[in-house]
């Protein structure tokens, strides 16, 4: 079993995490999307309907690039990176995207934010795999000396964005979702998740 095989039930029973619905973030002010992102999303939405790969390329990746730009380049984006932290607990496998509060480097650095693309447009089915990746990121961060900091995750179809926060053994699943037609709210949540100390460029 790898990340893709986990469900919320197996995350709870096998990894000792308690899921609950709640508020992942304090009140956030929407970020101002760069003009190029608005134009890119307008062009890419029709193409993104073709496949999951198209959604990744034309919606998800541009939004993550905008997060990097708004952070002043202080967010690293890793696509298709393996995160093998504990094979005995089956916490291994490839992640769609990992974001880190650091300059891009050829190796992972803490802290991590896991962004998982929902398969077959099913966000609920993606919550378990995302939670497992977040647990792995928590272990990774602790090994790097970043103890006690929450780990964030997100499951997205490109159009819909569901955020999660892992505090110790409590997994908070945002009670509501954020949507592409309010991309400033999505950007604000991603920036807050990657690093609350990162200033947002205007």
N, C-alpha and C. Protein backbone atom coordinates (compact mmCIF):
# COMPACT_ATOMS: atom_id res chain seq x y z
N UNK A 1 0.84 -1.20 0.00
CA UNK A 1 0.00 0.00 0.00
C UNK A 1 0.87 1.25 0.00
N UNK A 2 0.52 2.23 -0.83
CA UNK A 2 1.17 3.53 -0.83
C UNK A 2 0.12 4.58 -0.48
N UNK A 3 0.44 5.84 -0.64
CA UNK A 3 -0.49 6.90 -0.26
C UNK A 3 -1.85 6.75 -0.94
N UNK A 4 -1.85 6.36 -2.20
CA UNK A 4 -3.10 6.30 -2.95
C UNK A 4 -4.06 5.26 -2.41
N UNK A 5 -3.57 4.33 -1.61
CA UNK A 5 -4.44 3.26 -1.11
C UNK A 5 -5.11 3.60 0.22
N UNK A 6 -4.74 4.71 0.84
CA UNK A 6 -5.32 5.06 2.12
C UNK A 6 -6.70 5.70 1.95
N UNK A 7 -7.56 5.47 2.93
CA UNK A 7 -8.83 6.16 3.06
C UNK A 7 -8.83 6.88 4.41
N UNK A 8 -9.82 7.70 4.66
CA UNK A 8 -9.90 8.34 5.97
C UNK A 8 -10.03 7.31 7.07
N UNK A 9 -10.75 6.22 6.80
CA UNK A 9 -10.90 5.17 7.81
C UNK A 9 -9.57 4.52 8.13
N UNK A 10 -8.78 4.17 7.12
CA UNK A 10 -7.50 3.50 7.38
C UNK A 10 -6.48 4.47 7.97
N UNK A 11 -6.57 5.74 7.61
CA UNK A 11 -5.71 6.74 8.25
C UNK A 11 -5.99 6.79 9.75
N UNK A 12 -7.27 6.70 10.09
CA UNK A 12 -7.65 6.75 11.51
C UNK A 12 -7.25 5.47 12.24
N UNK A 13 -7.56 4.31 11.65
CA UNK A 13 -7.33 3.05 12.36
C UNK A 13 -5.87 2.62 12.35
N UNK A 14 -5.15 2.90 11.25
CA UNK A 14 -3.77 2.43 11.13
C UNK A 14 -2.73 3.46 11.55
N UNK A 15 -3.05 4.74 11.35
CA UNK A 15 -2.05 5.78 11.62
C UNK A 15 -2.38 6.62 12.85
N UNK A 16 -3.53 6.35 13.47
CA UNK A 16 -3.85 6.98 14.74
C UNK A 16 -4.24 8.44 14.66
N UNK A 17 -4.78 8.86 13.52
CA UNK A 17 -5.19 10.24 13.34
C UNK A 17 -6.71 10.34 13.46
N UNK A 18 -7.19 11.38 14.13
CA UNK A 18 -8.62 11.58 14.31
C UNK A 18 -9.13 12.68 13.40
N UNK A 19 -9.90 12.34 12.37
CA UNK A 19 -10.43 13.38 11.47
C UNK A 19 -11.65 14.07 12.10
N UNK A 20 -11.77 15.36 11.85
CA UNK A 20 -12.97 16.09 12.25
C UNK A 20 -13.15 17.28 11.33
N UNK A 21 -14.39 17.72 11.21
CA UNK A 21 -14.69 18.89 10.40
C UNK A 21 -14.50 20.15 11.23
N UNK A 22 -14.00 21.20 10.59
CA UNK A 22 -13.78 22.44 11.34
C UNK A 22 -13.22 23.52 10.45
N UNK A 23 -12.61 24.51 11.09
CA UNK A 23 -12.01 25.64 10.39
C UNK A 23 -10.50 25.43 10.33
N UNK A 24 -9.96 25.38 9.14
CA UNK A 24 -8.53 25.15 8.95
C UNK A 24 -7.73 26.43 9.16
N UNK A 25 -8.30 27.56 8.75
CA UNK A 25 -7.60 28.83 8.83
C UNK A 25 -8.38 29.83 9.67
N UNK A 26 -7.66 30.77 10.24
CA UNK A 26 -8.31 31.95 10.78
C UNK A 26 -8.79 32.77 9.58
N UNK A 27 -9.45 33.87 9.83
CA UNK A 27 -9.95 34.70 8.74
C UNK A 27 -8.81 35.15 7.84
N UNK A 28 -8.96 34.93 6.54
CA UNK A 28 -7.94 35.30 5.57
C UNK A 28 -8.47 36.37 4.63
N UNK A 29 -7.58 37.27 4.24
CA UNK A 29 -7.90 38.25 3.21
C UNK A 29 -7.47 37.69 1.87
N UNK A 30 -8.37 37.73 0.90
CA UNK A 30 -8.05 37.19 -0.42
C UNK A 30 -6.78 37.83 -0.97
N UNK A 31 -5.94 37.01 -1.57
CA UNK A 31 -4.77 37.53 -2.27
C UNK A 31 -5.20 38.09 -3.63
N UNK A 32 -4.44 39.02 -4.13
CA UNK A 32 -4.72 39.59 -5.46
C UNK A 32 -3.99 38.75 -6.50
N UNK A 33 -4.72 38.05 -7.37
CA UNK A 33 -4.04 37.21 -8.35
C UNK A 33 -3.27 38.04 -9.37
N UNK A 34 -2.10 37.58 -9.77
CA UNK A 34 -1.37 38.30 -10.82
C UNK A 34 -2.20 38.32 -12.10
N UNK A 35 -2.11 39.41 -12.87
CA UNK A 35 -2.89 39.48 -14.12
C UNK A 35 -2.65 38.30 -15.05
N UNK A 36 -1.41 37.81 -15.10
CA UNK A 36 -1.13 36.69 -16.00
C UNK A 36 -1.90 35.44 -15.59
N UNK A 37 -2.13 35.25 -14.26
CA UNK A 37 -2.86 34.07 -13.81
C UNK A 37 -4.32 34.14 -14.25
N UNK A 38 -4.91 35.30 -14.09
CA UNK A 38 -6.31 35.48 -14.52
C UNK A 38 -6.45 35.16 -16.00
N UNK A 39 -5.50 35.66 -16.80
CA UNK A 39 -5.55 35.40 -18.24
C UNK A 39 -5.32 33.92 -18.53
N UNK A 40 -4.37 33.30 -17.82
CA UNK A 40 -4.07 31.89 -18.04
C UNK A 40 -5.26 31.00 -17.70
N UNK A 41 -5.91 31.29 -16.59
CA UNK A 41 -7.07 30.47 -16.20
C UNK A 41 -8.21 30.64 -17.20
N UNK A 42 -8.40 31.85 -17.70
CA UNK A 42 -9.44 32.08 -18.70
C UNK A 42 -9.18 31.27 -19.96
N UNK A 43 -7.91 31.19 -20.35
CA UNK A 43 -7.56 30.41 -21.55
C UNK A 43 -7.57 28.91 -21.28
N UNK A 44 -7.18 28.53 -20.06
CA UNK A 44 -6.96 27.12 -19.78
C UNK A 44 -8.17 26.34 -19.33
N UNK A 45 -9.25 27.02 -18.90
CA UNK A 45 -10.39 26.29 -18.34
C UNK A 45 -11.00 25.31 -19.34
N UNK A 46 -11.14 25.73 -20.59
CA UNK A 46 -11.74 24.84 -21.59
C UNK A 46 -10.83 23.64 -21.85
N UNK A 47 -9.53 23.87 -21.97
CA UNK A 47 -8.59 22.78 -22.20
C UNK A 47 -8.51 21.85 -21.00
N UNK A 48 -8.72 22.39 -19.80
CA UNK A 48 -8.58 21.61 -18.58
C UNK A 48 -9.65 20.55 -18.44
N UNK A 49 -10.74 20.68 -19.20
CA UNK A 49 -11.83 19.71 -19.09
C UNK A 49 -11.48 18.39 -19.77
N UNK A 50 -10.40 18.36 -20.52
CA UNK A 50 -10.07 17.18 -21.33
C UNK A 50 -9.63 16.01 -20.48
N UNK A 51 -8.77 16.25 -19.46
CA UNK A 51 -8.21 15.15 -18.68
C UNK A 51 -7.66 15.67 -17.36
N UNK A 52 -7.32 14.74 -16.46
CA UNK A 52 -6.69 15.11 -15.19
C UNK A 52 -5.33 15.76 -15.43
N UNK A 53 -4.59 15.24 -16.40
CA UNK A 53 -3.28 15.82 -16.71
C UNK A 53 -3.45 17.26 -17.19
N UNK A 54 -4.47 17.51 -18.00
CA UNK A 54 -4.72 18.86 -18.50
C UNK A 54 -5.08 19.80 -17.35
N UNK A 55 -5.87 19.32 -16.40
CA UNK A 55 -6.21 20.16 -15.24
C UNK A 55 -4.96 20.52 -14.46
N UNK A 56 -4.07 19.55 -14.33
CA UNK A 56 -2.83 19.79 -13.61
C UNK A 56 -2.00 20.87 -14.30
N UNK A 57 -1.91 20.78 -15.62
CA UNK A 57 -1.04 21.70 -16.36
C UNK A 57 -1.65 23.08 -16.53
N UNK A 58 -2.97 23.16 -16.74
CA UNK A 58 -3.58 24.43 -17.11
C UNK A 58 -4.27 25.15 -15.95
N UNK A 59 -4.48 24.46 -14.82
CA UNK A 59 -5.12 25.12 -13.68
C UNK A 59 -4.25 25.03 -12.44
N UNK A 60 -3.93 23.81 -12.01
CA UNK A 60 -3.25 23.64 -10.73
C UNK A 60 -1.85 24.24 -10.76
N UNK A 61 -1.05 23.86 -11.75
CA UNK A 61 0.33 24.35 -11.81
C UNK A 61 0.41 25.87 -11.90
N UNK A 62 -0.41 26.54 -12.74
CA UNK A 62 -0.35 28.01 -12.75
C UNK A 62 -0.70 28.64 -11.41
N UNK A 63 -1.66 28.08 -10.69
CA UNK A 63 -2.01 28.62 -9.38
C UNK A 63 -0.85 28.47 -8.41
N UNK A 64 -0.18 27.34 -8.44
CA UNK A 64 0.98 27.14 -7.56
C UNK A 64 2.12 28.07 -7.95
N UNK A 65 2.30 28.31 -9.23
CA UNK A 65 3.33 29.26 -9.67
C UNK A 65 3.00 30.67 -9.18
N UNK A 66 1.71 31.01 -9.17
CA UNK A 66 1.31 32.32 -8.66
C UNK A 66 1.60 32.43 -7.16
N UNK A 67 1.43 31.33 -6.43
CA UNK A 67 1.77 31.34 -5.01
C UNK A 67 3.26 31.63 -4.84
N UNK A 68 4.06 31.00 -5.65
CA UNK A 68 5.50 31.27 -5.58
C UNK A 68 5.81 32.73 -5.88
N UNK A 69 5.17 33.28 -6.89
CA UNK A 69 5.40 34.68 -7.24
C UNK A 69 4.96 35.61 -6.11
N UNK A 70 3.77 35.38 -5.57
CA UNK A 70 3.26 36.23 -4.50
C UNK A 70 4.10 36.15 -3.24
N UNK A 71 4.80 35.04 -3.06
CA UNK A 71 5.65 34.88 -1.87
C UNK A 71 7.02 35.52 -2.06
N UNK A 72 7.24 36.11 -3.21
CA UNK A 72 8.55 36.67 -3.49
C UNK A 72 9.60 35.61 -3.79
N UNK A 73 9.15 34.47 -4.29
CA UNK A 73 10.08 33.39 -4.63
C UNK A 73 10.50 32.53 -3.46
N UNK A 74 9.80 32.64 -2.36
CA UNK A 74 10.21 31.89 -1.15
C UNK A 74 9.48 30.57 -1.00
N UNK A 75 8.76 30.15 -2.03
CA UNK A 75 8.08 28.86 -2.01
C UNK A 75 8.66 27.97 -3.09
N UNK A 76 9.10 26.78 -2.70
CA UNK A 76 9.57 25.79 -3.66
C UNK A 76 8.42 24.88 -4.05
N UNK A 77 8.34 24.52 -5.32
CA UNK A 77 7.30 23.63 -5.82
C UNK A 77 7.97 22.38 -6.37
N UNK A 78 7.58 21.23 -5.83
CA UNK A 78 8.12 19.97 -6.31
C UNK A 78 6.98 19.12 -6.86
N UNK A 79 7.10 18.72 -8.10
CA UNK A 79 6.06 17.95 -8.78
C UNK A 79 6.51 16.51 -8.97
N UNK A 80 5.66 15.57 -8.56
CA UNK A 80 5.98 14.16 -8.74
C UNK A 80 7.09 13.67 -7.83
N UNK A 81 7.34 14.38 -6.74
CA UNK A 81 8.41 14.03 -5.81
C UNK A 81 8.00 12.85 -4.92
N UNK A 82 8.88 11.91 -4.73
CA UNK A 82 8.62 10.82 -3.79
C UNK A 82 8.85 11.32 -2.36
N UNK A 83 7.99 10.83 -1.46
CA UNK A 83 8.11 11.16 -0.04
C UNK A 83 8.05 9.84 0.73
N UNK A 84 9.18 9.17 0.81
CA UNK A 84 9.28 7.86 1.48
C UNK A 84 9.86 8.08 2.87
N UNK A 85 8.99 8.11 3.88
CA UNK A 85 9.47 8.41 5.23
C UNK A 85 9.37 7.23 6.19
N UNK A 86 8.44 6.30 5.92
CA UNK A 86 8.26 5.19 6.84
C UNK A 86 7.62 4.01 6.11
N UNK A 87 8.41 3.24 5.36
CA UNK A 87 7.85 2.11 4.61
C UNK A 87 7.11 1.11 5.48
N UNK A 88 7.53 0.93 6.74
CA UNK A 88 6.88 -0.03 7.61
C UNK A 88 5.42 0.34 7.86
N UNK A 89 5.13 1.64 7.85
CA UNK A 89 3.75 2.11 8.02
C UNK A 89 3.11 2.45 6.68
N UNK A 90 3.81 2.08 5.62
CA UNK A 90 3.32 2.29 4.25
C UNK A 90 3.18 3.76 3.90
N UNK A 91 4.01 4.59 4.51
CA UNK A 91 4.04 6.01 4.19
C UNK A 91 5.14 6.24 3.16
N UNK A 92 4.79 5.95 1.93
CA UNK A 92 5.75 6.07 0.83
C UNK A 92 4.99 6.23 -0.47
N UNK A 93 5.67 6.79 -1.43
CA UNK A 93 5.06 6.95 -2.74
C UNK A 93 5.29 8.34 -3.29
N UNK A 94 4.71 8.57 -4.44
CA UNK A 94 4.88 9.83 -5.16
C UNK A 94 3.76 10.78 -4.81
N UNK A 95 4.09 12.06 -4.69
CA UNK A 95 3.11 13.10 -4.40
C UNK A 95 2.89 13.95 -5.65
N UNK A 96 1.65 14.37 -5.86
CA UNK A 96 1.38 15.21 -7.03
C UNK A 96 2.20 16.50 -6.95
N UNK A 97 2.06 17.22 -5.83
CA UNK A 97 2.85 18.43 -5.60
C UNK A 97 3.18 18.53 -4.12
N UNK A 98 4.38 19.00 -3.83
CA UNK A 98 4.78 19.37 -2.48
C UNK A 98 5.28 20.81 -2.53
N UNK A 99 4.82 21.61 -1.59
CA UNK A 99 5.28 22.99 -1.49
C UNK A 99 6.03 23.16 -0.18
N UNK A 100 7.10 23.93 -0.24
CA UNK A 100 7.94 24.12 0.93
C UNK A 100 8.34 25.58 1.04
N UNK A 101 8.47 26.05 2.26
CA UNK A 101 8.90 27.43 2.50
C UNK A 101 10.42 27.48 2.39
N UNK A 102 10.90 27.48 1.16
CA UNK A 102 12.35 27.50 0.93
C UNK A 102 12.61 27.77 -0.53
N UNK A 103 13.85 28.07 -0.83
CA UNK A 103 14.24 28.20 -2.22
C UNK A 103 14.27 26.80 -2.85
N UNK A 104 14.02 26.71 -4.17
CA UNK A 104 14.05 25.40 -4.82
C UNK A 104 15.43 24.76 -4.69
N UNK A 105 15.44 23.54 -4.24
CA UNK A 105 16.68 22.79 -4.08
C UNK A 105 16.46 21.39 -4.61
N UNK A 106 17.52 20.66 -4.91
CA UNK A 106 17.35 19.31 -5.43
C UNK A 106 16.92 18.29 -4.37
N UNK A 107 16.62 18.75 -3.16
CA UNK A 107 16.13 17.83 -2.14
C UNK A 107 15.00 18.51 -1.36
N UNK A 108 14.20 17.70 -0.71
CA UNK A 108 13.09 18.23 0.09
C UNK A 108 13.62 18.98 1.30
N UNK A 109 12.88 20.02 1.67
CA UNK A 109 13.18 20.73 2.90
C UNK A 109 11.87 21.01 3.61
N UNK A 110 11.92 20.98 4.94
CA UNK A 110 10.72 21.25 5.74
C UNK A 110 10.49 22.75 5.81
N UNK A 111 9.24 23.17 6.05
CA UNK A 111 8.02 22.38 6.18
C UNK A 111 7.39 22.09 4.82
N UNK A 112 6.48 21.16 4.79
CA UNK A 112 5.88 20.73 3.54
C UNK A 112 4.37 20.94 3.54
N UNK A 113 3.85 21.25 2.37
CA UNK A 113 2.41 21.28 2.13
C UNK A 113 2.13 20.30 0.99
N UNK A 114 1.22 19.38 1.20
CA UNK A 114 0.88 18.39 0.17
C UNK A 114 -0.35 18.85 -0.60
N UNK A 115 -0.24 18.89 -1.92
CA UNK A 115 -1.36 19.20 -2.80
C UNK A 115 -1.63 17.98 -3.65
N UNK A 116 -2.81 17.41 -3.49
CA UNK A 116 -3.16 16.17 -4.19
C UNK A 116 -4.27 16.45 -5.18
N UNK A 117 -4.10 15.97 -6.39
CA UNK A 117 -5.13 16.13 -7.42
C UNK A 117 -6.15 14.99 -7.29
N UNK A 118 -7.41 15.38 -7.16
CA UNK A 118 -8.47 14.39 -7.00
C UNK A 118 -8.62 13.57 -8.27
N UNK A 119 -8.67 12.26 -8.10
CA UNK A 119 -8.87 11.38 -9.24
C UNK A 119 -10.37 11.28 -9.54
N UNK A 120 -10.68 11.28 -10.83
CA UNK A 120 -12.07 11.20 -11.28
C UNK A 120 -12.93 12.29 -10.64
N UNK A 121 -12.32 13.45 -10.39
CA UNK A 121 -13.05 14.60 -9.82
C UNK A 121 -13.68 14.30 -8.47
N UNK A 122 -13.14 13.34 -7.74
CA UNK A 122 -13.74 12.92 -6.46
C UNK A 122 -12.86 13.40 -5.32
N UNK A 123 -13.19 14.58 -4.77
CA UNK A 123 -12.39 15.14 -3.68
C UNK A 123 -12.46 14.27 -2.45
N UNK A 124 -13.64 13.75 -2.12
CA UNK A 124 -13.78 12.94 -0.90
C UNK A 124 -12.84 11.74 -0.93
N UNK A 125 -12.70 11.10 -2.09
CA UNK A 125 -11.82 9.94 -2.19
C UNK A 125 -10.35 10.34 -2.05
N UNK A 126 -10.04 11.60 -2.28
CA UNK A 126 -8.67 12.06 -2.16
C UNK A 126 -8.26 12.45 -0.75
N UNK A 127 -9.22 12.54 0.16
CA UNK A 127 -8.90 13.00 1.52
C UNK A 127 -7.98 12.02 2.25
N UNK A 128 -8.22 10.73 2.11
CA UNK A 128 -7.38 9.73 2.77
C UNK A 128 -5.94 9.77 2.29
N UNK A 129 -5.71 9.70 0.96
CA UNK A 129 -4.34 9.80 0.47
C UNK A 129 -3.64 11.10 0.87
N UNK A 130 -4.38 12.21 0.83
CA UNK A 130 -3.79 13.49 1.22
C UNK A 130 -3.42 13.47 2.70
N UNK A 131 -4.29 12.94 3.54
CA UNK A 131 -4.01 12.86 4.97
C UNK A 131 -2.76 12.02 5.23
N UNK A 132 -2.61 10.91 4.50
CA UNK A 132 -1.43 10.07 4.67
C UNK A 132 -0.16 10.83 4.28
N UNK A 133 -0.23 11.61 3.21
CA UNK A 133 0.92 12.42 2.81
C UNK A 133 1.23 13.48 3.86
N UNK A 134 0.20 14.03 4.48
CA UNK A 134 0.41 15.03 5.53
C UNK A 134 1.09 14.42 6.75
N UNK A 135 0.70 13.20 7.10
CA UNK A 135 1.35 12.50 8.21
C UNK A 135 2.81 12.26 7.90
N UNK A 136 3.08 11.88 6.65
CA UNK A 136 4.48 11.69 6.22
C UNK A 136 5.23 13.02 6.29
N UNK A 137 4.60 14.10 5.87
CA UNK A 137 5.24 15.42 5.93
C UNK A 137 5.50 15.82 7.38
N UNK A 138 4.58 15.49 8.28
CA UNK A 138 4.78 15.78 9.70
C UNK A 138 6.02 15.05 10.23
N UNK A 139 6.17 13.80 9.87
CA UNK A 139 7.34 13.02 10.28
C UNK A 139 8.61 13.64 9.68
N UNK A 140 8.54 14.00 8.40
CA UNK A 140 9.68 14.61 7.73
C UNK A 140 10.08 15.90 8.43
N UNK A 141 9.10 16.74 8.75
CA UNK A 141 9.37 18.01 9.41
C UNK A 141 9.99 17.81 10.79
N UNK A 142 9.46 16.84 11.53
CA UNK A 142 9.98 16.58 12.87
C UNK A 142 11.43 16.11 12.81
N UNK A 143 11.75 15.30 11.83
CA UNK A 143 13.13 14.84 11.66
C UNK A 143 14.06 16.01 11.32
N UNK A 144 13.48 17.05 10.71
CA UNK A 144 14.26 18.23 10.35
C UNK A 144 14.28 19.26 11.48
N UNK A 145 13.69 18.91 12.63
CA UNK A 145 13.70 19.80 13.77
C UNK A 145 12.56 20.79 13.81
N UNK A 146 11.59 20.67 12.90
CA UNK A 146 10.42 21.56 12.88
C UNK A 146 9.29 20.88 13.61
N UNK A 147 9.35 20.89 14.92
CA UNK A 147 8.40 20.17 15.76
C UNK A 147 7.28 21.12 16.21
N UNK A 148 6.06 20.61 16.16
CA UNK A 148 4.94 21.37 16.69
C UNK A 148 4.23 22.27 15.69
N UNK A 149 4.76 22.38 14.51
CA UNK A 149 4.12 23.23 13.49
C UNK A 149 3.06 22.42 12.75
N UNK A 150 1.86 22.97 12.57
CA UNK A 150 0.83 22.23 11.82
C UNK A 150 1.29 21.94 10.40
N UNK A 151 0.76 20.85 9.87
CA UNK A 151 1.00 20.49 8.47
C UNK A 151 -0.31 20.67 7.72
N UNK A 152 -0.23 21.26 6.54
CA UNK A 152 -1.43 21.52 5.75
C UNK A 152 -1.43 20.64 4.50
N UNK A 153 -2.63 20.42 4.00
CA UNK A 153 -2.79 19.67 2.77
C UNK A 153 -3.97 20.21 1.99
N UNK A 154 -4.08 19.79 0.77
CA UNK A 154 -5.17 20.25 -0.08
C UNK A 154 -5.48 19.18 -1.12
N UNK A 155 -6.76 18.94 -1.34
CA UNK A 155 -7.20 18.07 -2.42
C UNK A 155 -7.96 18.95 -3.41
N UNK A 156 -7.62 18.85 -4.67
CA UNK A 156 -8.24 19.74 -5.65
C UNK A 156 -8.60 19.01 -6.94
N UNK A 157 -9.69 19.46 -7.53
CA UNK A 157 -10.04 19.05 -8.89
C UNK A 157 -9.55 20.09 -9.89
N UNK A 158 -8.93 21.13 -9.40
CA UNK A 158 -8.61 22.30 -10.22
C UNK A 158 -9.66 23.37 -10.01
N UNK A 159 -10.91 22.99 -10.13
CA UNK A 159 -12.01 23.93 -9.91
C UNK A 159 -12.35 24.07 -8.42
N UNK A 160 -12.33 22.96 -7.67
CA UNK A 160 -12.67 22.94 -6.24
C UNK A 160 -11.41 22.64 -5.43
N UNK A 161 -11.27 23.29 -4.27
CA UNK A 161 -10.10 23.14 -3.41
C UNK A 161 -10.55 22.86 -1.98
N UNK A 162 -10.18 21.71 -1.44
CA UNK A 162 -10.52 21.31 -0.07
C UNK A 162 -9.24 21.29 0.76
N UNK A 163 -9.20 22.09 1.83
CA UNK A 163 -7.99 22.21 2.64
C UNK A 163 -8.11 21.41 3.94
N UNK A 164 -6.95 20.94 4.41
CA UNK A 164 -6.86 20.15 5.64
C UNK A 164 -5.69 20.67 6.47
N UNK A 165 -5.77 20.45 7.79
CA UNK A 165 -4.67 20.81 8.70
C UNK A 165 -4.47 19.68 9.70
N UNK A 166 -3.22 19.29 9.89
CA UNK A 166 -2.87 18.23 10.84
C UNK A 166 -2.16 18.87 12.03
N UNK A 167 -2.82 18.82 13.18
CA UNK A 167 -2.24 19.28 14.44
C UNK A 167 -2.01 18.08 15.34
N UNK A 168 -0.77 17.64 15.47
CA UNK A 168 -0.52 16.44 16.26
C UNK A 168 -1.21 15.26 15.63
N UNK A 169 -2.20 14.72 16.33
CA UNK A 169 -2.94 13.57 15.80
C UNK A 169 -4.37 13.95 15.39
N UNK A 170 -4.65 15.23 15.32
CA UNK A 170 -5.99 15.68 14.93
C UNK A 170 -5.94 16.23 13.51
N UNK A 171 -6.78 15.66 12.65
CA UNK A 171 -6.86 16.09 11.26
C UNK A 171 -8.13 16.92 11.08
N UNK A 172 -7.96 18.21 10.84
CA UNK A 172 -9.10 19.10 10.63
C UNK A 172 -9.35 19.23 9.14
N UNK A 173 -10.58 18.92 8.73
CA UNK A 173 -10.98 19.04 7.33
C UNK A 173 -11.88 20.25 7.21
N UNK A 174 -11.49 21.19 6.37
CA UNK A 174 -12.26 22.42 6.22
C UNK A 174 -13.72 22.11 5.92
N UNK A 175 -14.61 22.76 6.65
CA UNK A 175 -16.04 22.48 6.50
C UNK A 175 -16.57 22.95 5.14
N UNK A 176 -15.91 23.92 4.54
CA UNK A 176 -16.34 24.40 3.23
C UNK A 176 -15.16 24.36 2.26
N UNK A 177 -15.46 24.44 0.98
CA UNK A 177 -14.42 24.41 -0.04
C UNK A 177 -14.24 25.79 -0.65
N UNK A 178 -13.10 25.95 -1.31
CA UNK A 178 -12.82 27.18 -2.05
C UNK A 178 -12.87 26.85 -3.54
N UNK A 179 -13.22 27.84 -4.35
CA UNK A 179 -13.50 27.57 -5.75
C UNK A 179 -12.70 28.48 -6.68
N UNK A 180 -12.47 27.98 -7.88
CA UNK A 180 -11.62 28.65 -8.84
C UNK A 180 -12.17 30.01 -9.24
N UNK A 181 -13.49 30.21 -9.16
CA UNK A 181 -14.04 31.51 -9.52
C UNK A 181 -13.74 32.58 -8.46
N UNK A 182 -13.16 32.16 -7.33
CA UNK A 182 -12.65 33.08 -6.32
C UNK A 182 -11.20 32.69 -6.03
N UNK A 183 -10.38 32.77 -7.07
CA UNK A 183 -9.02 32.25 -6.99
C UNK A 183 -8.20 33.00 -5.93
N UNK A 184 -8.56 34.24 -5.62
CA UNK A 184 -7.85 34.97 -4.58
C UNK A 184 -7.95 34.29 -3.23
N UNK A 185 -9.09 33.65 -2.95
CA UNK A 185 -9.27 32.92 -1.69
C UNK A 185 -8.42 31.65 -1.69
N UNK A 186 -8.30 30.99 -2.84
CA UNK A 186 -7.44 29.81 -2.95
C UNK A 186 -5.98 30.19 -2.73
N UNK A 187 -5.55 31.27 -3.36
CA UNK A 187 -4.17 31.73 -3.21
C UNK A 187 -3.86 32.09 -1.76
N UNK A 188 -4.79 32.78 -1.10
CA UNK A 188 -4.57 33.17 0.29
C UNK A 188 -4.40 31.96 1.19
N UNK A 189 -5.22 30.92 0.96
CA UNK A 189 -5.13 29.71 1.77
C UNK A 189 -3.81 28.99 1.53
N UNK A 190 -3.38 28.90 0.28
CA UNK A 190 -2.11 28.23 -0.03
C UNK A 190 -0.94 28.98 0.60
N UNK A 191 -0.96 30.30 0.53
CA UNK A 191 0.12 31.09 1.14
C UNK A 191 0.14 30.92 2.65
N UNK A 192 -1.03 30.91 3.27
CA UNK A 192 -1.10 30.73 4.73
C UNK A 192 -0.63 29.34 5.12
N UNK A 193 -0.91 28.35 4.28
CA UNK A 193 -0.54 26.98 4.60
C UNK A 193 0.97 26.76 4.48
N UNK A 194 1.57 27.34 3.46
CA UNK A 194 3.00 27.12 3.25
C UNK A 194 3.83 27.79 4.32
N UNK A 195 3.45 29.01 4.70
CA UNK A 195 4.24 29.69 5.72
C UNK A 195 3.61 30.99 6.14
N UNK A 196 3.07 31.05 7.35
CA UNK A 196 2.42 32.27 7.80
C UNK A 196 3.37 33.45 7.90
N UNK A 197 4.67 33.19 7.89
CA UNK A 197 5.64 34.29 7.99
C UNK A 197 5.98 34.88 6.63
N UNK A 198 5.45 34.28 5.55
CA UNK A 198 5.80 34.76 4.22
C UNK A 198 4.98 36.01 3.89
N UNK A 199 5.65 37.12 3.57
CA UNK A 199 4.90 38.30 3.18
C UNK A 199 4.32 38.12 1.79
N UNK A 200 3.13 38.65 1.54
CA UNK A 200 2.50 38.53 0.25
C UNK A 200 2.84 39.74 -0.59
N UNK A 201 3.46 39.51 -1.74
CA UNK A 201 3.83 40.61 -2.62
C UNK A 201 2.57 41.18 -3.26
N UNK A 202 2.59 42.48 -3.46
CA UNK A 202 1.43 43.15 -4.08
C UNK A 202 1.79 43.61 -5.48
